[in-house]
Amino acid sequence: MKIVPKDNKRDFSNRYDGGEDFVLESHGITEIEGLEELTKLKKLRLFGNEIKKIKGLENLKNLETLIFGDTYHYNRGNDIEVIENLENLTKLEWLNLGLNKITEITGLENLINLVQLDLSCNRISELKGIGNKQFLVEIDLMGNKIRIVKGLKGLRYLDELNLQGNPIESIESIDELKGISSLRINISKIPESEKIIFSKHFWDRGHHSYVSRKSVNLDEEFPFNPVRKSF
């Protein structure tokens, strides 16, 4: 078996030991190829490449962790614009697409076991497409373009939500956030009436949250964010 992405003609077979974890980060890969036979894989890391399209993973039905981006340690992502072709990965528990070029949350319908979702530092403007992921415990949407917080009603197990670095202007349903114990958000632009209600539900209840009243400045907070110039 050879693992040879056609864009650079390099064989990465010697990097795979036949186990459950495979790392192919920072190799200049633009297209996912040659992984079809790696059906034992449970963890695949592809951050730091130049991948534009999610494909070629259909046979990897045992995957539990799929990483296309690393925002916090290496600041490396890919060039993915659309979340797609994940229908067969029903065992997936952790999906990391941080530091890409995604504008909408789509393509997650079949990921019934998803627990952790990282979409930090993309171009997402609306919180939709995740409301039916009832087992989600952690969502990271730091450094996107979200202005209105809504659409989280079905996430009954959600415990951690990171919206830091978004230009939040309104929290339409604060009740949807009641069960969250860790919330990172900037509330400088939301109406005073919402701030009062927000304070009652979070600060007074002792949630372990980072709530900022400062205006968002992505150039200072997230200098590596590919969308920081677009506000």
Foldseek 3Di string as FASTA:
>chain_A
DFQAQPVVRDTPVVQDPLAQEGEDAQPQRADGDDCLPSQNHQEYAYWHYAHADDDDCLNNQNHAYYAQYDCPPPLTHYAYADQADCQSNCNHAEYARDQYAYADQAHCVSNQNHAEYEHDLYAYADPDDCCQNQNHAEYEHHQYAHAEADSNQNNPNHAEYEHHQYNHQYDPDVVSCLNHQEYEEEHLRYDPVVVVVNCVRHVVVPRNYHYHNDGHQCCVVPVSRPCNPPD
